């Protein structure tokens, strides 16, 4: 049980999954950065999708599919 700051307790549900998106066409430094973040953050999942940083706009189906 975890305290919520107001004296009540609630069951701990765990940390939410962290989804890290990266475009396949992004610069190499971005590939290294997202791989490192995924390794450091508990529950993180790295997803590489076609395109660059505008993938949520130009490839929304890929983004929705990963979610």
PDB file of N, CA and C in Angstrom:
ATOM      1  N   UNK A   1       0.844  -1.180   0.000  1.00  0.00           N
ATOM      2  CA  UNK A   1       0.000   0.000   0.000  1.00  0.00           C
ATOM      3  C   UNK A   1       0.894   1.250   0.000  1.00  0.00           C
ATOM      4  N   UNK A   2       0.498   2.239  -0.745  1.00  0.00           N
ATOM      5  CA  UNK A   2       1.259   3.480  -0.828  1.00  0.00           C
ATOM      6  C   UNK A   2       0.404   4.641  -0.320  1.00  0.00           C
ATOM      7  N   UNK A   3       1.050   5.548   0.381  1.00  0.00           N
ATOM      8  CA  UNK A   3       0.327   6.731   0.855  1.00  0.00           C
ATOM      9  C   UNK A   3       0.187   7.721  -0.295  1.00  0.00           C
ATOM     10  N   UNK A   4      -0.955   8.400  -0.330  1.00  0.00           N
ATOM     11  CA  UNK A   4      -1.176   9.354  -1.412  1.00  0.00           C
ATOM     12  C   UNK A   4      -0.907  10.791  -0.993  1.00  0.00           C
ATOM     13  N   UNK A   5      -0.378  11.011   0.199  1.00  0.00           N
ATOM     14  CA  UNK A   5      -0.078  12.361   0.658  1.00  0.00           C
ATOM     15  C   UNK A   5      -1.198  12.972   1.483  1.00  0.00           C
ATOM     16  N   UNK A   6      -2.338  12.325   1.546  1.00  0.00           N
ATOM     17  CA  UNK A   6      -3.476  12.840   2.298  1.00  0.00           C
ATOM     18  C   UNK A   6      -3.880  11.891   3.407  1.00  0.00           C
ATOM     19  N   UNK A   7      -3.035  10.924   3.730  1.00  0.00           N
ATOM     20  CA  UNK A   7      -3.315  10.007   4.810  1.00  0.00           C
ATOM     21  C   UNK A   7      -3.999   8.727   4.375  1.00  0.00           C
ATOM     22  N   UNK A   8      -4.521   8.676   3.184  1.00  0.00           N
ATOM     23  CA  UNK A   8      -5.177   7.461   2.686  1.00  0.00           C
ATOM     24  C   UNK A   8      -4.142   6.563   2.025  1.00  0.00           C
ATOM     25  N   UNK A   9      -4.462   5.311   1.927  1.00  0.00           N
ATOM     26  CA  UNK A   9      -3.568   4.389   1.244  1.00  0.00           C
ATOM     27  C   UNK A   9      -4.275   3.794   0.038  1.00  0.00           C
ATOM     28  N   UNK A  10      -3.484   3.377  -0.897  1.00  0.00           N
ATOM     29  CA  UNK A  10      -4.012   2.767  -2.119  1.00  0.00           C
ATOM     30  C   UNK A  10      -3.026   1.698  -2.549  1.00  0.00           C
ATOM     31  N   UNK A  11      -3.483   0.669  -3.237  1.00  0.00           N
ATOM     32  CA  UNK A  11      -2.534  -0.343  -3.709  1.00  0.00           C
ATOM     33  C   UNK A  11      -1.580   0.258  -4.733  1.00  0.00           C
ATOM     34  N   UNK A  12      -0.333  -0.171  -4.670  1.00  0.00           N
ATOM     35  CA  UNK A  12       0.655   0.290  -5.648  1.00  0.00           C
ATOM     36  C   UNK A  12       0.421  -0.443  -6.952  1.00  0.00           C
ATOM     37  N   UNK A  13       0.184   0.295  -7.993  1.00  0.00           N
ATOM     38  CA  UNK A  13      -0.113  -0.289  -9.295  1.00  0.00           C
ATOM     39  C   UNK A  13       1.112  -0.432 -10.175  1.00  0.00           C
ATOM     40  N   UNK A  14       2.253   0.053  -9.725  1.00  0.00           N
ATOM     41  CA  UNK A  14       3.469  -0.037 -10.521  1.00  0.00           C
ATOM     42  C   UNK A  14       3.654   1.194 -11.387  1.00  0.00           C
ATOM     43  N   UNK A  15       4.826   1.339 -11.896  1.00  0.00           N
ATOM     44  CA  UNK A  15       5.134   2.472 -12.756  1.00  0.00           C
ATOM     45  C   UNK A  15       4.558   2.242 -14.141  1.00  0.00           C
ATOM     46  N   UNK A  16       4.060   3.295 -14.761  1.00  0.00           N
ATOM     47  CA  UNK A  16       3.551   3.129 -16.126  1.00  0.00           C
ATOM     48  C   UNK A  16       4.696   2.871 -17.097  1.00  0.00           C
ATOM     49  N   UNK A  17       4.371   2.227 -18.179  1.00  0.00           N
ATOM     50  CA  UNK A  17       5.371   1.992 -19.205  1.00  0.00           C
ATOM     51  C   UNK A  17       5.761   3.321 -19.841  1.00  0.00           C
ATOM     52  N   UNK A  18       7.028   3.475 -20.103  1.00  0.00           N
ATOM     53  CA  UNK A  18       7.533   4.661 -20.788  1.00  0.00           C
ATOM     54  C   UNK A  18       7.795   4.250 -22.228  1.00  0.00           C
ATOM     55  N   UNK A  19       7.176   4.938 -23.150  1.00  0.00           N
ATOM     56  CA  UNK A  19       7.336   4.625 -24.562  1.00  0.00           C
ATOM     57  C   UNK A  19       8.209   5.702 -25.192  1.00  0.00           C
ATOM     58  N   UNK A  20       9.350   5.298 -25.732  1.00  0.00           N
ATOM     59  CA  UNK A  20      10.290   6.229 -26.353  1.00  0.00           C
ATOM     60  C   UNK A  20      10.248   6.003 -27.859  1.00  0.00           C
ATOM     61  N   UNK A  21       9.724   6.988 -28.567  1.00  0.00           N
ATOM     62  CA  UNK A  21       9.647   6.907 -30.024  1.00  0.00           C
ATOM     63  C   UNK A  21      10.875   7.535 -30.638  1.00  0.00           C
ATOM     64  N   UNK A  22      11.292   6.936 -31.739  1.00  0.00           N
ATOM     65  CA  UNK A  22      12.391   7.504 -32.503  1.00  0.00           C
ATOM     66  C   UNK A  22      12.175   7.215 -33.965  1.00  0.00           C
ATOM     67  N   UNK A  23      12.432   8.207 -34.790  1.00  0.00           N
ATOM     68  CA  UNK A  23      12.335   8.011 -36.226  1.00  0.00           C
ATOM     69  C   UNK A  23      13.582   7.325 -36.765  1.00  0.00           C
ATOM     70  N   UNK A  24      13.406   6.394 -37.672  1.00  0.00           N
ATOM     71  CA  UNK A  24      14.542   5.666 -38.247  1.00  0.00           C
ATOM     72  C   UNK A  24      15.497   6.603 -38.988  1.00  0.00           C
ATOM     73  N   UNK A  25      14.960   7.704 -39.517  1.00  0.00           N
ATOM     74  CA  UNK A  25      15.789   8.646 -40.271  1.00  0.00           C
ATOM     75  C   UNK A  25      16.443   9.705 -39.381  1.00  0.00           C
ATOM     76  N   UNK A  26      16.283   9.579 -38.068  1.00  0.00           N
ATOM     77  CA  UNK A  26      16.880  10.545 -37.147  1.00  0.00           C
ATOM     78  C   UNK A  26      18.396  10.415 -37.145  1.00  0.00           C
ATOM     79  N   UNK A  27      19.102  11.478 -36.737  1.00  0.00           N
ATOM     80  CA  UNK A  27      20.560  11.432 -36.682  1.00  0.00           C
ATOM     81  C   UNK A  27      21.055  10.348 -35.719  1.00  0.00           C
ATOM     82  N   UNK A  28      22.262   9.871 -35.933  1.00  0.00           N
ATOM     83  CA  UNK A  28      22.842   8.813 -35.108  1.00  0.00           C
ATOM     84  C   UNK A  28      22.841   9.166 -33.621  1.00  0.00           C
ATOM     85  N   UNK A  29      23.101  10.415 -33.305  1.00  0.00           N
ATOM     86  CA  UNK A  29      23.113  10.818 -31.898  1.00  0.00           C
ATOM     87  C   UNK A  29      21.751  10.563 -31.246  1.00  0.00           C
ATOM     88  N   UNK A  30      20.689  10.720 -31.997  1.00  0.00           N
ATOM     89  CA  UNK A  30      19.352  10.452 -31.477  1.00  0.00           C
ATOM     90  C   UNK A  30      19.158   8.967 -31.224  1.00  0.00           C
ATOM     91  N   UNK A  31      19.681   8.125 -32.096  1.00  0.00           N
ATOM     92  CA  UNK A  31      19.607   6.679 -31.893  1.00  0.00           C
ATOM     93  C   UNK A  31      20.318   6.291 -30.586  1.00  0.00           C
ATOM     94  N   UNK A  32      21.493   6.854 -30.367  1.00  0.00           N
ATOM     95  CA  UNK A  32      22.246   6.543 -29.143  1.00  0.00           C
ATOM     96  C   UNK A  32      21.513   7.061 -27.907  1.00  0.00           C
ATOM     97  N   UNK A  33      20.971   8.256 -28.005  1.00  0.00           N
ATOM     98  CA  UNK A  33      20.276   8.862 -26.869  1.00  0.00           C
ATOM     99  C   UNK A  33      19.035   8.052 -26.480  1.00  0.00           C
ATOM    100  N   UNK A  34      18.222   7.674 -27.456  1.00  0.00           N
ATOM    101  CA  UNK A  34      17.006   6.930 -27.130  1.00  0.00           C
ATOM    102  C   UNK A  34      17.324   5.526 -26.621  1.00  0.00           C
ATOM    103  N   UNK A  35      18.376   4.910 -27.148  1.00  0.00           N
ATOM    104  CA  UNK A  35      18.782   3.590 -26.657  1.00  0.00           C
ATOM    105  C   UNK A  35      19.238   3.691 -25.201  1.00  0.00           C
ATOM    106  N   UNK A  36      19.972   4.720 -24.883  1.00  0.00           N
ATOM    107  CA  UNK A  36      20.452   4.917 -23.503  1.00  0.00           C
ATOM    108  C   UNK A  36      19.290   5.199 -22.568  1.00  0.00           C
ATOM    109  N   UNK A  37      18.374   6.050 -22.968  1.00  0.00           N
ATOM    110  CA  UNK A  37      17.200   6.335 -22.138  1.00  0.00           C
ATOM    111  C   UNK A  37      16.400   5.065 -21.867  1.00  0.00           C
ATOM    112  N   UNK A  38      16.190   4.275 -22.884  1.00  0.00           N
ATOM    113  CA  UNK A  38      15.428   3.037 -22.726  1.00  0.00           C
ATOM    114  C   UNK A  38      16.128   2.083 -21.762  1.00  0.00           C
ATOM    115  N   UNK A  39      17.454   2.083 -21.776  1.00  0.00           N
ATOM    116  CA  UNK A  39      18.197   1.209 -20.871  1.00  0.00           C
ATOM    117  C   UNK A  39      18.153   1.704 -19.428  1.00  0.00           C
ATOM    118  N   UNK A  40      18.049   3.010 -19.245  1.00  0.00           N
ATOM    119  CA  UNK A  40      18.091   3.596 -17.904  1.00  0.00           C
ATOM    120  C   UNK A  40      16.732   3.694 -17.219  1.00  0.00           C
ATOM    121  N   UNK A  41      15.674   3.881 -17.997  1.00  0.00           N
ATOM    122  CA  UNK A  41      14.350   4.084 -17.401  1.00  0.00           C
ATOM    123  C   UNK A  41      13.646   2.749 -17.176  1.00  0.00           C
ATOM    124  N   UNK A  42      13.262   2.468 -15.938  1.00  0.00           N
ATOM    125  CA  UNK A  42      12.539   1.217 -15.676  1.00  0.00           C
ATOM    126  C   UNK A  42      11.226   1.179 -16.464  1.00  0.00           C
ATOM    127  N   UNK A  43      10.963   0.073 -17.078  1.00  0.00           N
ATOM    128  CA  UNK A  43       9.720  -0.080 -17.821  1.00  0.00           C
ATOM    129  C   UNK A  43       9.695   0.619 -19.166  1.00  0.00           C
ATOM    130  N   UNK A  44      10.841   1.128 -19.612  1.00  0.00           N
ATOM    131  CA  UNK A  44      10.872   1.853 -20.888  1.00  0.00           C
ATOM    132  C   UNK A  44      10.930   0.879 -22.056  1.00  0.00           C
ATOM    133  N   UNK A  45      10.297   1.305 -23.127  1.00  0.00           N
ATOM    134  CA  UNK A  45      10.330   0.534 -24.372  1.00  0.00           C
ATOM    135  C   UNK A  45      10.635   1.507 -25.499  1.00  0.00           C
ATOM    136  N   UNK A  46      11.656   1.189 -26.270  1.00  0.00           N
ATOM    137  CA  UNK A  46      12.070   2.038 -27.389  1.00  0.00           C
ATOM    138  C   UNK A  46      11.433   1.507 -28.663  1.00  0.00           C
ATOM    139  N   UNK A  47      10.824   2.403 -29.429  1.00  0.00           N
ATOM    140  CA  UNK A  47      10.173   2.037 -30.678  1.00  0.00           C
ATOM    141  C   UNK A  47      10.767   2.894 -31.791  1.00  0.00           C
ATOM    142  N   UNK A  48      11.330   2.243 -32.786  1.00  0.00           N
ATOM    143  CA  UNK A  48      11.871   2.952 -33.950  1.00  0.00           C
ATOM    144  C   UNK A  48      10.877   2.786 -35.084  1.00  0.00           C
ATOM    145  N   UNK A  49      10.393   3.908 -35.598  1.00  0.00           N
ATOM    146  CA  UNK A  49       9.414   3.870 -36.688  1.00  0.00           C
ATOM    147  C   UNK A  49       9.982   4.595 -37.902  1.00  0.00           C
ATOM    148  N   UNK A  50       9.432   4.286 -39.043  1.00  0.00           N
ATOM    149  CA  UNK A  50       9.894   4.911 -40.288  1.00  0.00           C
ATOM    150  C   UNK A  50       9.712   6.419 -40.205  1.00  0.00           C
ATOM    151  N   UNK A  51      10.643   7.132 -40.794  1.00  0.00           N
ATOM    152  CA  UNK A  51      10.537   8.582 -40.841  1.00  0.00           C
ATOM    153  C   UNK A  51      11.428   9.260 -39.824  1.00  0.00           C
ATOM    154  N   UNK A  52      11.119  10.518 -39.578  1.00  0.00           N
ATOM    155  CA  UNK A  52      11.908  11.329 -38.660  1.00  0.00           C
ATOM    156  C   UNK A  52      11.061  11.813 -37.500  1.00  0.00           C
ATOM    157  N   UNK A  53      11.384  13.007 -37.016  1.00  0.00           N
ATOM    158  CA  UNK A  53      10.729  13.516 -35.822  1.00  0.00           C
ATOM    159  C   UNK A  53       9.259  13.901 -36.044  1.00  0.00           C
ATOM    160  N   UNK A  54       8.819  13.951 -37.253  1.00  0.00           N
ATOM    161  CA  UNK A  54       7.420  14.302 -37.544  1.00  0.00           C
ATOM    162  C   UNK A  54       6.538  13.067 -37.734  1.00  0.00           C
ATOM    163  N   UNK A  55       7.022  11.908 -37.347  1.00  0.00           N
ATOM    164  CA  UNK A  55       6.271  10.664 -37.520  1.00  0.00           C
ATOM    165  C   UNK A  55       4.860  10.712 -36.930  1.00  0.00           C
ATOM    166  N   UNK A  56       4.651  11.306 -35.752  1.00  0.00           N
ATOM    167  CA  UNK A  56       3.278  11.352 -35.240  1.00  0.00           C
ATOM    168  C   UNK A  56       2.304  12.071 -36.187  1.00  0.00           C
ATOM    169  N   UNK A  57       2.827  12.983 -36.988  1.00  0.00           N
ATOM    170  CA  UNK A  57       1.988  13.709 -37.942  1.00  0.00           C
ATOM    171  C   UNK A  57       1.867  12.952 -39.264  1.00  0.00           C
ATOM    172  N   UNK A  58       2.998  12.470 -39.772  1.00  0.00           N
ATOM    173  CA  UNK A  58       3.016  11.848 -41.091  1.00  0.00           C
ATOM    174  C   UNK A  58       2.792  10.339 -41.088  1.00  0.00           C
ATOM    175  N   UNK A  59       2.976   9.695 -39.940  1.00  0.00           N
ATOM    176  CA  UNK A  59       2.780   8.237 -39.853  1.00  0.00           C
ATOM    177  C   UNK A  59       2.026   7.884 -38.570  1.00  0.00           C
ATOM    178  N   UNK A  60       0.848   8.462 -38.375  1.00  0.00           N
ATOM    179  CA  UNK A  60       0.124   8.224 -37.120  1.00  0.00           C
ATOM    180  C   UNK A  60      -0.225   6.759 -36.894  1.00  0.00           C
ATOM    181  N   UNK A  61      -0.427   5.988 -37.947  1.00  0.00           N
ATOM    182  CA  UNK A  61      -0.760   4.582 -37.782  1.00  0.00           C
ATOM    183  C   UNK A  61       0.380   3.810 -37.119  1.00  0.00           C
ATOM    184  N   UNK A  62       1.608   4.151 -37.450  1.00  0.00           N
ATOM    185  CA  UNK A  62       2.762   3.501 -36.828  1.00  0.00           C
ATOM    186  C   UNK A  62       2.832   3.839 -35.342  1.00  0.00           C
ATOM    187  N   UNK A  63       2.541   5.083 -35.015  1.00  0.00           N
ATOM    188  CA  UNK A  63       2.547   5.506 -33.622  1.00  0.00           C
ATOM    189  C   UNK A  63       1.436   4.801 -32.851  1.00  0.00           C
ATOM    190  N   UNK A  64       0.246   4.799 -33.397  1.00  0.00           N
ATOM    191  CA  UNK A  64      -0.888   4.151 -32.732  1.00  0.00           C
ATOM    192  C   UNK A  64      -0.628   2.659 -32.582  1.00  0.00           C
ATOM    193  N   UNK A  65      -0.029   2.039 -33.584  1.00  0.00           N
ATOM    194  CA  UNK A  65       0.267   0.614 -33.508  1.00  0.00           C
ATOM    195  C   UNK A  65       1.243   0.277 -32.391  1.00  0.00           C
ATOM    196  N   UNK A  66       2.161   1.172 -32.109  1.00  0.00           N
ATOM    197  CA  UNK A  66       3.136   0.927 -31.047  1.00  0.00           C
ATOM    198  C   UNK A  66       2.530   1.133 -29.659  1.00  0.00           C
ATOM    199  N   UNK A  67       1.548   2.001 -29.599  1.00  0.00           N
ATOM    200  CA  UNK A  67       0.900   2.269 -28.309  1.00  0.00           C
ATOM    201  C   UNK A  67       0.016   1.097 -27.956  1.00  0.00           C
TER     202      UNK A  67
END
